[in-house]
C-alpha atoms as a PDB file:
ATOM      1  CA  MET A   1       0.000   0.000   0.000  1.00  0.00           C
ATOM      2  CA  LEU A   2       1.192   3.524  -0.768  1.00  0.00           C
ATOM      3  CA  SER A   3       2.201   5.466   2.330  1.00  0.00           C
ATOM      4  CA  SER A   4      -0.193   8.285   1.351  1.00  0.00           C
ATOM      5  CA  THR A   5      -3.101   5.832   1.283  1.00  0.00           C
ATOM      6  CA  ALA A   6      -2.133   4.449   4.689  1.00  0.00           C
ATOM      7  CA  ASP A   7      -1.914   8.012   5.994  1.00  0.00           C
ATOM      8  CA  ASN A   8      -5.396   8.946   4.767  1.00  0.00           C
ATOM      9  CA  LEU A   9      -7.016   5.789   6.121  1.00  0.00           C
ATOM     10  CA  PHE A  10      -5.252   6.094   9.474  1.00  0.00           C
ATOM     11  CA  TRP A  11      -6.333   9.721   9.947  1.00  0.00           C
ATOM     12  CA  ALA A  12      -9.846   9.314   8.572  1.00  0.00           C
ATOM     13  CA  ALA A  13     -10.403   6.737  11.297  1.00  0.00           C
ATOM     14  CA  ARG A  14      -8.726   8.848  13.983  1.00  0.00           C
ATOM     15  CA  TYR A  15     -10.766  11.952  13.207  1.00  0.00           C
ATOM     16  CA  ALA A  16     -14.039  10.016  13.044  1.00  0.00           C
ATOM     17  CA  GLU A  17     -13.330   8.382  16.394  1.00  0.00           C
ATOM     18  CA  ARG A  18     -12.325  11.734  17.885  1.00  0.00           C
ATOM     19  CA  ALA A  19     -15.656  13.290  16.871  1.00  0.00           C
ATOM     20  CA  GLY A  20     -17.541  10.509  18.620  1.00  0.00           C
ATOM     21  CA  ASN A  21     -15.367  10.798  21.719  1.00  0.00           C
ATOM     22  CA  VAL A  22     -15.970  14.545  21.945  1.00  0.00           C
ATOM     23  CA  ALA A  23     -19.718  13.964  21.639  1.00  0.00           C
ATOM     24  CA  ARG A  24     -19.568  11.480  24.516  1.00  0.00           C
ATOM     25  CA  GLY A  25     -17.561  13.927  26.597  1.00  0.00           C
ATOM     26  CA  ILE A  26     -19.976  16.793  26.027  1.00  0.00           C
ATOM     27  CA  GLY A  27     -22.913  14.598  26.991  1.00  0.00           C
ATOM     28  CA  VAL A  28     -21.339  13.564  30.285  1.00  0.00           C
ATOM     29  CA  ALA A  29     -20.116  17.089  31.079  1.00  0.00           C
ATOM     30  CA  SER A  30     -23.567  18.511  30.380  1.00  0.00           C
ATOM     31  CA  ARG A  31     -25.222  16.101  32.825  1.00  0.00           C
ATOM     32  CA  MET A  32     -22.536  16.645  35.449  1.00  0.00           C
ATOM     33  CA  ALA A  33     -22.678  20.425  35.053  1.00  0.00           C
ATOM     34  CA  ALA A  34     -26.376  20.343  35.883  1.00  0.00           C
ATOM     35  CA  VAL A  35     -25.556  18.471  39.111  1.00  0.00           C
ATOM     36  CA  SER A  36     -22.549  20.666  39.938  1.00  0.00           C
ATOM     37  CA  ALA A  37     -24.542  23.862  39.368  1.00  0.00           C
ATOM     38  CA  ARG A  38     -26.409  23.136  42.591  1.00  0.00           C
ATOM     39  CA  LEU A  39     -23.048  23.088  44.362  1.00  0.00           C
ATOM     40  CA  GLY A  40     -21.777  26.211  42.630  1.00  0.00           C
ATOM     41  CA  ASP A  41     -19.100  24.462  40.500  1.00  0.00           C
ATOM     42  CA  GLU A  42     -20.697  24.171  37.064  1.00  0.00           C
ATOM     43  CA  VAL A  43     -17.641  25.705  35.365  1.00  0.00           C
ATOM     44  CA  GLY A  44     -15.411  22.969  36.810  1.00  0.00           C
ATOM     45  CA  GLU A  45     -17.071  20.301  34.666  1.00  0.00           C
ATOM     46  CA  TRP A  46     -16.581  22.268  31.461  1.00  0.00           C
ATOM     47  CA  ARG A  47     -12.996  23.076  32.399  1.00  0.00           C
ATOM     48  CA  ALA A  48     -12.309  19.349  32.917  1.00  0.00           C
ATOM     49  CA  LEU A  49     -13.734  18.557  29.485  1.00  0.00           C
ATOM     50  CA  LEU A  50     -11.493  21.166  27.863  1.00  0.00           C
ATOM     51  CA  THR A  51      -8.491  19.588  29.552  1.00  0.00           C
ATOM     52  CA  ALA A  52      -9.521  16.102  28.408  1.00  0.00           C
ATOM     53  CA  THR A  53      -9.849  17.220  24.793  1.00  0.00           C
ATOM     54  CA  GLY A  54      -6.490  18.963  24.912  1.00  0.00           C
ATOM     55  CA  GLY A  55      -7.819  22.331  23.800  1.00  0.00           C
ATOM     56  CA  ASP A  56      -7.928  24.397  26.972  1.00  0.00           C
ATOM     57  CA  ALA A  57      -5.061  26.741  26.030  1.00  0.00           C
ATOM     58  CA  SER A  58      -6.486  27.463  22.567  1.00  0.00           C
ATOM     59  CA  PHE A  59      -9.961  27.932  24.022  1.00  0.00           C
ATOM     60  CA  HIS A  60      -8.816  30.567  26.512  1.00  0.00           C
ATOM     61  CA  ARG A  61      -7.095  32.550  23.771  1.00  0.00           C
ATOM     62  CA  LYS A  62     -10.479  33.021  22.108  1.00  0.00           C
ATOM     63  CA  TYR A  63     -13.156  32.851  24.827  1.00  0.00           C
ATOM     64  CA  PRO A  64     -13.220  34.805  28.101  1.00  0.00           C
ATOM     65  CA  ALA A  65     -14.517  31.995  30.333  1.00  0.00           C
ATOM     66  CA  PRO A  66     -15.378  28.260  30.105  1.00  0.00           C
ATOM     67  CA  THR A  67     -19.135  28.628  30.305  1.00  0.00           C
ATOM     68  CA  GLY A  68     -21.306  25.811  29.022  1.00  0.00           C
ATOM     69  CA  ASP A  69     -22.377  27.683  25.883  1.00  0.00           C
ATOM     70  CA  ALA A  70     -18.826  28.717  24.999  1.00  0.00           C
ATOM     71  CA  VAL A  71     -17.354  25.248  25.526  1.00  0.00           C
ATOM     72  CA  VAL A  72     -20.097  23.527  23.544  1.00  0.00           C
ATOM     73  CA  HIS A  73     -19.681  25.944  20.638  1.00  0.00           C
ATOM     74  CA  TRP A  74     -15.893  25.424  20.749  1.00  0.00           C
ATOM     75  CA  LEU A  75     -16.242  21.650  20.777  1.00  0.00           C
ATOM     76  CA  VAL A  76     -18.959  21.409  18.126  1.00  0.00           C
ATOM     77  CA  PHE A  77     -18.630  24.195  15.560  1.00  0.00           C
ATOM     78  CA  ASP A  78     -15.448  26.228  15.967  1.00  0.00           C
ATOM     79  CA  HIS A  79     -13.040  25.739  13.050  1.00  0.00           C
ATOM     80  CA  ASP A  80     -10.178  27.030  15.191  1.00  0.00           C
ATOM     81  CA  ASN A  81     -10.489  23.829  17.219  1.00  0.00           C
ATOM     82  CA  PRO A  82      -9.113  20.863  15.219  1.00  0.00           C
ATOM     83  CA  SER A  83     -10.662  18.502  17.766  1.00  0.00           C
ATOM     84  CA  GLY A  84     -14.190  19.909  17.391  1.00  0.00           C
ATOM     85  CA  ILE A  85     -16.941  17.689  16.048  1.00  0.00           C
ATOM     86  CA  LEU A  86     -17.541  19.563  12.782  1.00  0.00           C
ATOM     87  CA  PRO A  87     -13.794  20.066  12.029  1.00  0.00           C
ATOM     88  CA  CYS A  88     -13.164  16.375  12.800  1.00  0.00           C
ATOM     89  CA  PHE A  89     -15.899  15.248  10.420  1.00  0.00           C
ATOM     90  CA  GLU A  90     -14.542  17.603   7.781  1.00  0.00           C
ATOM     91  CA  ALA A  91     -10.997  16.268   8.229  1.00  0.00           C
ATOM     92  CA  ALA A  92     -12.216  12.661   8.224  1.00  0.00           C
ATOM     93  CA  ARG A  93     -14.178  13.298   5.041  1.00  0.00           C
ATOM     94  CA  GLN A  94     -11.194  14.970   3.340  1.00  0.00           C
ATOM     95  CA  ASN A  95      -8.969  12.022   4.187  1.00  0.00           C
ATOM     96  CA  GLY A  96     -11.651   9.581   3.100  1.00  0.00           C
ATOM     97  CA  ARG A  97     -12.247  11.383  -0.178  1.00  0.00           C
ATOM     98  CA  ALA A  98      -8.526  11.164  -0.993  1.00  0.00           C
ATOM     99  CA  VAL A  99      -8.778   7.347  -0.845  1.00  0.00           C
ATOM    100  CA  ARG A 100     -12.408   7.019  -1.859  1.00  0.00           C
ATOM    101  CA  THR A 101     -11.910   3.653  -3.583  1.00  0.00           C
ATOM    102  CA  ALA A 102     -10.299   2.169  -0.469  1.00  0.00           C
ATOM    103  CA  LEU A 103     -13.464   2.842   1.562  1.00  0.00           C
ATOM    104  CA  THR A 104     -16.689   0.920   1.200  1.00  0.00           C
ATOM    105  CA  VAL A 105     -19.871   2.737   0.156  1.00  0.00           C
ATOM    106  CA  ASP A 106     -21.272   2.521   3.697  1.00  0.00           C
ATOM    107  CA  MET A 107     -18.113   4.018   5.243  1.00  0.00           C
ATOM    108  CA  TRP A 108     -18.030   6.902   2.788  1.00  0.00           C
ATOM    109  CA  GLU A 109     -21.715   7.686   3.259  1.00  0.00           C
ATOM    110  CA  ALA A 110     -21.284   7.774   7.052  1.00  0.00           C
ATOM    111  CA  LEU A 111     -18.547  10.397   6.697  1.00  0.00           C
ATOM    112  CA  ASN A 112     -20.041  12.380   3.840  1.00  0.00           C
ATOM    113  CA  ASP A 113     -23.603  12.455   5.158  1.00  0.00           C
ATOM    114  CA  GLY A 114     -22.343  13.326   8.621  1.00  0.00           C
ATOM    115  CA  TRP A 115     -20.294  16.255   7.365  1.00  0.00           C
ATOM    116  CA  THR A 116     -23.122  17.494   5.099  1.00  0.00           C
ATOM    117  CA  HIS A 117     -25.594  17.474   7.976  1.00  0.00           C
ATOM    118  CA  LEU A 118     -23.272  19.133  10.485  1.00  0.00           C
ATOM    119  CA  ARG A 119     -22.212  21.979   8.211  1.00  0.00           C
ATOM    120  CA  GLN A 120     -25.854  22.964   7.707  1.00  0.00           C
ATOM    121  CA  LEU A 121     -26.610  23.246  11.424  1.00  0.00           C
ATOM    122  CA  THR A 122     -27.357  26.571  13.085  1.00  0.00           C
ATOM    123  CA  PRO A 123     -26.306  27.504  16.646  1.00  0.00           C
ATOM    124  CA  ASP A 124     -29.720  26.582  18.028  1.00  0.00           C
ATOM    125  CA  ALA A 125     -28.889  22.927  17.297  1.00  0.00           C
ATOM    126  CA  VAL A 126     -26.923  22.847  20.566  1.00  0.00           C
ATOM    127  CA  GLU A 127     -29.405  24.718  22.720  1.00  0.00           C
ATOM    128  CA  GLY A 128     -31.559  23.108  25.397  1.00  0.00           C
ATOM    129  CA  GLU A 129     -33.038  19.726  24.580  1.00  0.00           C
ATOM    130  CA  ALA A 130     -31.605  19.844  21.058  1.00  0.00           C
ATOM    131  CA  LEU A 131     -28.073  19.184  22.354  1.00  0.00           C
ATOM    132  CA  PRO A 132     -28.559  15.572  23.555  1.00  0.00           C
ATOM    133  CA  GLU A 133     -30.284  14.762  20.277  1.00  0.00           C
ATOM    134  CA  LEU A 134     -27.373  16.121  18.254  1.00  0.00           C
ATOM    135  CA  LEU A 135     -24.785  14.323  20.381  1.00  0.00           C
ATOM    136  CA  GLY A 136     -26.664  11.048  19.987  1.00  0.00           C
ATOM    137  CA  TRP A 137     -26.767  11.571  16.245  1.00  0.00           C
ATOM    138  CA  VAL A 138     -22.992  12.171  16.124  1.00  0.00           C
ATOM    139  CA  ARG A 139     -22.321   9.009  18.125  1.00  0.00           C
ATOM    140  CA  ASP A 140     -24.588   7.061  15.776  1.00  0.00           C
ATOM    141  CA  ARG A 141     -22.708   8.369  12.712  1.00  0.00           C
ATOM    142  CA  VAL A 142     -19.367   7.338  14.150  1.00  0.00           C
ATOM    143  CA  THR A 143     -20.744   3.958  15.166  1.00  0.00           C
ATOM    144  CA  LEU A 144     -22.053   3.559  11.629  1.00  0.00           C
ATOM    145  CA  PHE A 145     -18.602   4.336  10.198  1.00  0.00           C
ATOM    146  CA  ASN A 146     -16.863   1.929  12.579  1.00  0.00           C
ATOM    147  CA  GLY A 147     -19.502  -0.729  12.070  1.00  0.00           C
ATOM    148  CA  ALA A 148     -19.258  -0.412   8.297  1.00  0.00           C
ATOM    149  CA  ALA A 149     -15.485  -0.842   8.529  1.00  0.00           C
ATOM    150  CA  GLN A 150     -15.961  -3.998  10.562  1.00  0.00           C
ATOM    151  CA  GLU A 151     -18.769  -5.430   8.462  1.00  0.00           C
ATOM    152  CA  THR A 152     -17.961  -4.386   4.902  1.00  0.00           C
ATOM    153  CA  MET A 153     -14.173  -3.970   4.483  1.00  0.00           C
ATOM    154  CA  LEU A 154     -11.991  -6.774   3.245  1.00  0.00           C
ATOM    155  CA  ARG A 155      -9.449  -7.835   5.848  1.00  0.00           C
ATOM    156  CA  THR A 156      -6.590  -6.315   3.945  1.00  0.00           C
ATOM    157  CA  GLU A 157      -3.915  -3.790   4.883  1.00  0.00           C
ATOM    158  CA  ALA A 158      -6.419  -0.966   4.318  1.00  0.00           C
ATOM    159  CA  TRP A 159      -8.720  -2.322   7.011  1.00  0.00           C
ATOM    160  CA  ARG A 160      -5.783  -2.716   9.398  1.00  0.00           C
ATOM    161  CA  PHE A 161      -4.772   0.933   9.060  1.00  0.00           C
ATOM    162  CA  VAL A 162      -8.374   2.016   9.705  1.00  0.00           C
ATOM    163  CA  ARG A 163      -8.503  -0.193  12.767  1.00  0.00           C
ATOM    164  CA  LEU A 164      -5.108   1.079  13.889  1.00  0.00           C
ATOM    165  CA  GLY A 165      -6.259   4.705  13.779  1.00  0.00           C
ATOM    166  CA  THR A 166      -9.502   3.972  15.609  1.00  0.00           C
ATOM    167  CA  MET A 167      -7.886   2.038  18.450  1.00  0.00           C
ATOM    168  CA  LEU A 168      -5.012   4.464  18.959  1.00  0.00           C
ATOM    169  CA  GLU A 169      -7.383   7.434  19.147  1.00  0.00           C
ATOM    170  CA  ARG A 170      -9.699   5.557  21.501  1.00  0.00           C
ATOM    171  CA  ALA A 171      -6.861   4.631  23.867  1.00  0.00           C
ATOM    172  CA  ASP A 172      -5.708   8.245  24.052  1.00  0.00           C
ATOM    173  CA  ASN A 173      -9.243   9.425  24.789  1.00  0.00           C
ATOM    174  CA  THR A 174      -9.834   6.895  27.560  1.00  0.00           C
ATOM    175  CA  ALA A 175      -6.575   7.819  29.265  1.00  0.00           C
ATOM    176  CA  ARG A 176      -7.422  11.527  29.100  1.00  0.00           C
ATOM    177  CA  LEU A 177     -10.972  11.114  30.400  1.00  0.00           C
ATOM    178  CA  LEU A 178      -9.732   9.088  33.343  1.00  0.00           C
ATOM    179  CA  ASP A 179      -6.861  11.444  34.037  1.00  0.00           C
ATOM    180  CA  VAL A 180      -9.009  14.576  34.417  1.00  0.00           C
ATOM    181  CA  ARG A 181     -10.759  12.838  37.326  1.00  0.00           C
ATOM    182  CA  HIS A 182      -7.708  11.146  38.805  1.00  0.00           C
ATOM    183  CA  GLN A 183      -8.364  12.801  42.175  1.00  0.00           C
ATOM    184  CA  LEU A 184     -11.298  10.415  42.656  1.00  0.00           C
ATOM    185  CA  PHE A 185      -8.837   7.524  42.761  1.00  0.00           C
ATOM    186  CA  GLU A 186      -6.443   8.894  45.379  1.00  0.00           C
ATOM    187  CA  PRO A 187      -6.295   6.778  48.586  1.00  0.00           C
ATOM    188  CA  ASP A 188      -7.493   9.631  50.794  1.00  0.00           C
ATOM    189  CA  ALA A 189     -10.467  10.381  48.519  1.00  0.00           C
ATOM    190  CA  ALA A 190     -12.313   7.124  49.141  1.00  0.00           C
ATOM    191  CA  GLU A 191     -14.786   8.489  51.671  1.00  0.00           C
ATOM    192  CA  ALA A 192     -15.463  11.778  49.898  1.00  0.00           C
ATOM    193  CA  VAL A 193     -16.077  10.477  46.372  1.00  0.00           C
ATOM    194  CA  ASP A 194     -19.527  11.230  45.041  1.00  0.00           C
ATOM    195  CA  TYR A 195     -21.366   8.240  43.547  1.00  0.00           C
ATOM    196  CA  VAL A 196     -22.527  10.452  40.671  1.00  0.00           C
ATOM    197  CA  GLN A 197     -18.926  11.336  39.812  1.00  0.00           C
ATOM    198  CA  LEU A 198     -17.994   7.663  39.582  1.00  0.00           C
ATOM    199  CA  GLN A 199     -20.972   7.101  37.322  1.00  0.00           C
ATOM    200  CA  ALA A 200     -19.780   9.966  35.116  1.00  0.00           C
ATOM    201  CA  VAL A 201     -16.354   8.351  34.680  1.00  0.00           C
ATOM    202  CA  LEU A 202     -17.969   5.132  33.485  1.00  0.00           C
ATOM    203  CA  ARG A 203     -20.508   6.905  31.280  1.00  0.00           C
ATOM    204  CA  SER A 204     -17.680   8.732  29.513  1.00  0.00           C
ATOM    205  CA  VAL A 205     -16.676   5.388  27.963  1.00  0.00           C
ATOM    206  CA  SER A 206     -20.183   3.837  27.912  1.00  0.00           C
ATOM    207  CA  ALA A 207     -19.139   1.352  30.598  1.00  0.00           C
ATOM    208  CA  LEU A 208     -21.684   1.671  33.417  1.00  0.00           C
ATOM    209  CA  ARG A 209     -23.476  -1.559  32.544  1.00  0.00           C
ATOM    210  CA  SER A 210     -20.180  -3.262  31.763  1.00  0.00           C
ATOM    211  CA  TYR A 211     -18.988  -2.499  35.305  1.00  0.00           C
ATOM    212  CA  GLN A 212     -22.154  -3.947  36.797  1.00  0.00           C
ATOM    213  CA  TRP A 213     -21.882  -7.051  34.623  1.00  0.00           C
ATOM    214  CA  ILE A 214     -18.250  -7.763  35.503  1.00  0.00           C
ATOM    215  CA  TYR A 215     -18.133  -6.810  39.195  1.00  0.00           C
ATOM    216  CA  ARG A 216     -21.765  -7.192  40.305  1.00  0.00           C
ATOM    217  CA  ASP A 217     -21.028  -4.783  43.131  1.00  0.00           C
ATOM    218  CA  ARG A 218     -21.485  -1.155  44.111  1.00  0.00           C
ATOM    219  CA  LEU A 219     -19.248   1.362  42.372  1.00  0.00           C
ATOM    220  CA  ALA A 220     -15.720   1.485  43.773  1.00  0.00           C
ATOM    221  CA  ALA A 221     -12.936   3.683  42.433  1.00  0.00           C
ATOM    222  CA  PRO A 222     -10.202   0.973  42.289  1.00  0.00           C
ATOM    223  CA  LYS A 223     -12.468  -1.375  40.353  1.00  0.00           C
ATOM    224  CA  ILE A 224     -13.408   1.383  37.899  1.00  0.00           C
ATOM    225  CA  ALA A 225      -9.724   2.095  37.309  1.00  0.00           C
ATOM    226  CA  GLU A 226      -9.054  -1.609  36.808  1.00  0.00           C
ATOM    227  CA  LEU A 227     -11.919  -1.911  34.334  1.00  0.00           C
ATOM    228  CA  MET A 228     -10.844   1.077  32.242  1.00  0.00           C
ATOM    229  CA  ILE A 229      -7.143   0.285  32.292  1.00  0.00           C
ATOM    230  CA  LEU A 230      -6.543  -3.449  32.602  1.00  0.00           C
ATOM    231  CA  ARG A 231      -9.678  -5.444  31.790  1.00  0.00           C
ATOM    232  CA  PRO A 232      -9.465  -6.679  28.173  1.00  0.00           C
ATOM    233  CA  GLU A 233     -13.248  -7.158  27.973  1.00  0.00           C
ATOM    234  CA  LEU A 234     -13.961  -3.416  27.855  1.00  0.00           C
ATOM    235  CA  PRO A 235     -13.848  -2.233  24.198  1.00  0.00           C
ATOM    236  CA  ARG A 236     -12.795   1.278  25.199  1.00  0.00           C
ATOM    237  CA  GLY A 237     -10.382   0.169  27.899  1.00  0.00           C
ATOM    238  CA  LEU A 238      -6.651   0.797  27.527  1.00  0.00           C
ATOM    239  CA  ALA A 239      -5.749  -2.896  27.535  1.00  0.00           C
ATOM    240  CA  ALA A 240      -8.204  -3.718  24.749  1.00  0.00           C
ATOM    241  CA  CYS A 241      -7.336  -0.705  22.581  1.00  0.00           C
ATOM    242  CA  LEU A 242      -3.556  -0.917  22.831  1.00  0.00           C
ATOM    243  CA  GLY A 243      -3.711  -4.689  22.498  1.00  0.00           C
ATOM    244  CA  GLN A 244      -5.516  -4.153  19.185  1.00  0.00           C
ATOM    245  CA  VAL A 245      -2.909  -1.600  18.098  1.00  0.00           C
ATOM    246  CA  ALA A 246      -0.132  -4.148  18.711  1.00  0.00           C
ATOM    247  CA  ALA A 247      -2.095  -6.868  16.909  1.00  0.00           C
ATOM    248  CA  MET A 248      -2.761  -4.667  13.862  1.00  0.00           C
ATOM    249  CA  LEU A 249       0.894  -3.640  13.625  1.00  0.00           C
ATOM    250  CA  ASP A 250       1.981  -7.281  13.806  1.00  0.00           C
ATOM    251  CA  ALA A 251      -0.514  -8.211  11.084  1.00  0.00           C
ATOM    252  CA  ILE A 252       0.708  -5.383   8.840  1.00  0.00           C
ATOM    253  CA  ALA A 253       4.319  -6.444   9.429  1.00  0.00           C
ATOM    254  CA  ASP A 254       3.541 -10.071   8.630  1.00  0.00           C
ATOM    255  CA  GLY A 255       1.901  -8.980   5.387  1.00  0.00           C
ATOM    256  CA  GLN A 256       5.038  -7.058   4.440  1.00  0.00           C
ATOM    257  CA  GLY A 257       7.475  -9.903   4.908  1.00  0.00           C
ATOM    258  CA  GLY A 258       8.072  -9.381   8.617  1.00  0.00           C
ATOM    259  CA  ARG A 259       9.559  -5.872   8.418  1.00  0.00           C
ATOM    260  CA  ARG A 260       9.311  -4.264  11.860  1.00  0.00           C
ATOM    261  CA  GLY A 261      10.507  -1.094  13.524  1.00  0.00           C
ATOM    262  CA  GLU A 262      10.340   1.052  16.648  1.00  0.00           C
ATOM    263  CA  CYS A 263       6.546   1.338  16.539  1.00  0.00           C
ATOM    264  CA  HIS A 264       6.208  -2.437  16.876  1.00  0.00           C
ATOM    265  CA  ARG A 265       8.493  -2.467  19.919  1.00  0.00           C
ATOM    266  CA  GLN A 266       6.609   0.378  21.587  1.00  0.00           C
ATOM    267  CA  ALA A 267       3.191  -1.127  20.896  1.00  0.00           C
ATOM    268  CA  GLY A 268       4.215  -4.567  22.108  1.00  0.00           C
ATOM    269  CA  LEU A 269       5.684  -3.154  25.302  1.00  0.00           C
ATOM    270  CA  LEU A 270       2.593  -1.060  26.082  1.00  0.00           C
ATOM    271  CA  ALA A 271       0.248  -3.974  25.409  1.00  0.00           C
ATOM    272  CA  ALA A 272       2.304  -6.364  27.541  1.00  0.00           C
ATOM    273  CA  GLU A 273       2.463  -3.966  30.491  1.00  0.00           C
ATOM    274  CA  LEU A 274      -1.314  -3.604  30.442  1.00  0.00           C
ATOM    275  CA  ARG A 275      -1.911  -7.301  29.951  1.00  0.00           C
ATOM    276  CA  TYR A 276       0.167  -8.274  32.967  1.00  0.00           C
ATOM    277  CA  GLY A 277      -0.271  -5.156  35.099  1.00  0.00           C
ATOM    278  CA  ARG A 278      -1.901  -4.965  38.529  1.00  0.00           C
ATOM    279  CA  ILE A 279      -4.183  -2.157  39.548  1.00  0.00           C
ATOM    280  CA  ASP A 280      -2.709  -2.036  43.048  1.00  0.00           C
ATOM    281  CA  ASP A 281       0.706  -1.275  41.554  1.00  0.00           C
ATOM    282  CA  ILE A 282      -0.743   1.444  39.317  1.00  0.00           C
ATOM    283  CA  LEU A 283      -2.677   3.118  42.121  1.00  0.00           C
ATOM    284  CA  GLY A 284       0.321   2.766  44.420  1.00  0.00           C
ATOM    285  CA  GLU A 285       2.459   4.643  41.904  1.00  0.00           C
ATOM    286  CA  GLY A 286      -0.253   7.277  41.508  1.00  0.00           C
ATOM    287  CA  LEU A 287      -2.922   7.177  38.829  1.00  0.00           C
ATOM    288  CA  HIS A 288      -2.106  10.647  37.503  1.00  0.00           C
ATOM    289  CA  ALA A 289       1.565   9.768  37.000  1.00  0.00           C
ATOM    290  CA  PHE A 290       0.649   6.511  35.265  1.00  0.00           C
ATOM    291  CA  LEU A 291      -1.900   8.122  32.944  1.00  0.00           C
ATOM    292  CA  THR A 292       0.307  11.093  32.109  1.00  0.00           C
ATOM    293  CA  ARG A 293       3.028   8.697  31.075  1.00  0.00           C
ATOM    294  CA  THR A 294       0.580   6.540  29.103  1.00  0.00           C
ATOM    295  CA  ILE A 295      -0.779   9.554  27.204  1.00  0.00           C
ATOM    296  CA  ALA A 296       2.764  10.595  26.303  1.00  0.00           C
ATOM    297  CA  ARG A 297       3.711   7.073  25.238  1.00  0.00           C
ATOM    298  CA  THR A 298       0.557   6.750  23.128  1.00  0.00           C
ATOM    299  CA  ALA A 299       1.465   9.989  21.332  1.00  0.00           C
ATOM    300  CA  GLU A 300       5.011   8.704  20.803  1.00  0.00           C
ATOM    301  CA  LEU A 301       3.594   5.473  19.406  1.00  0.00           C
ATOM    302  CA  GLY A 302       1.421   7.389  16.942  1.00  0.00           C
ATOM    303  CA  ALA A 303       4.461   9.358  15.773  1.00  0.00           C
ATOM    304  CA  ALA A 304       6.508   6.148  15.465  1.00  0.00           C
ATOM    305  CA  ILE A 305       3.783   4.554  13.331  1.00  0.00           C
ATOM    306  CA  GLU A 306       3.813   7.542  10.992  1.00  0.00           C
ATOM    307  CA  ASP A 307       7.610   7.565  10.850  1.00  0.00           C
ATOM    308  CA  PHE A 308       7.769   3.876   9.940  1.00  0.00           C
ATOM    309  CA  TYR A 309       4.839   3.510   7.560  1.00  0.00           C
ATOM    310  CA  ILE A 310       3.963   6.995   6.289  1.00  0.00           C
ATOM    311  CA  ARG A 311       6.940   9.339   6.357  1.00  0.00           C
ATOM    312  CA  HIS A 312       9.644   6.774   5.580  1.00  0.00           C
END
């Protein structure tokens, strides 16, 4: 496969996944802000979402304060935010259009129809009860794209680069969402943690029912951390996502005569550490330190993949 084709497929998948992740984050922040408003800390929820999406510095250069309306506009419409929903759909569509024949009809329609719909929206599409409806629609579009990739693409190198982009982006998002609430997992926070906050952490990765199915117990911070970091059953968990990244890289290497590089070493090491890790060790080290390092290593892995397969 041409490196330019791999690049477009990899980033089409990353941008599509990012749009869905932002939609999930806005939904959770919106619900939590309504709860926090009664305690006088509504802005804190929106500030946490900005941090999780990595756009807080850029946001503050343009908006005076992280109010709900400002943050939602920034994360949905603003073209100065490359991680916003509309800009992500536009970028995914541009990458997909460049390799149109490598995508299936269903994948292309999910991207193209999504972008066409979003660019026609007016600001009132994110006001009041219209916001949850829009966020649900965005999640459905991304699910349709991912589902079409799973159900309609041949299991060739093209599919592997799509899968690679999706899983890498998902791992980064999960680590960031967990990190912005790392205080909930500190040893001295156990008695003060609000049940609603723990629910919000799980809802951010659509894992509330998954937790109940696996643990069959009341919510507990250490078990939530274990689920989102180490349990391979959770599709949005770090172990599952980075395990898939390592598997896709190995499959691509095998298809190219076994040629491997630094990205394969990094991915294998990350996957192995998560596969054999213990949550007590992670929490003992400090969740924030662990997640900060994981976010950095995931970014390094993405750069190593591009260096080896795209910019070589």
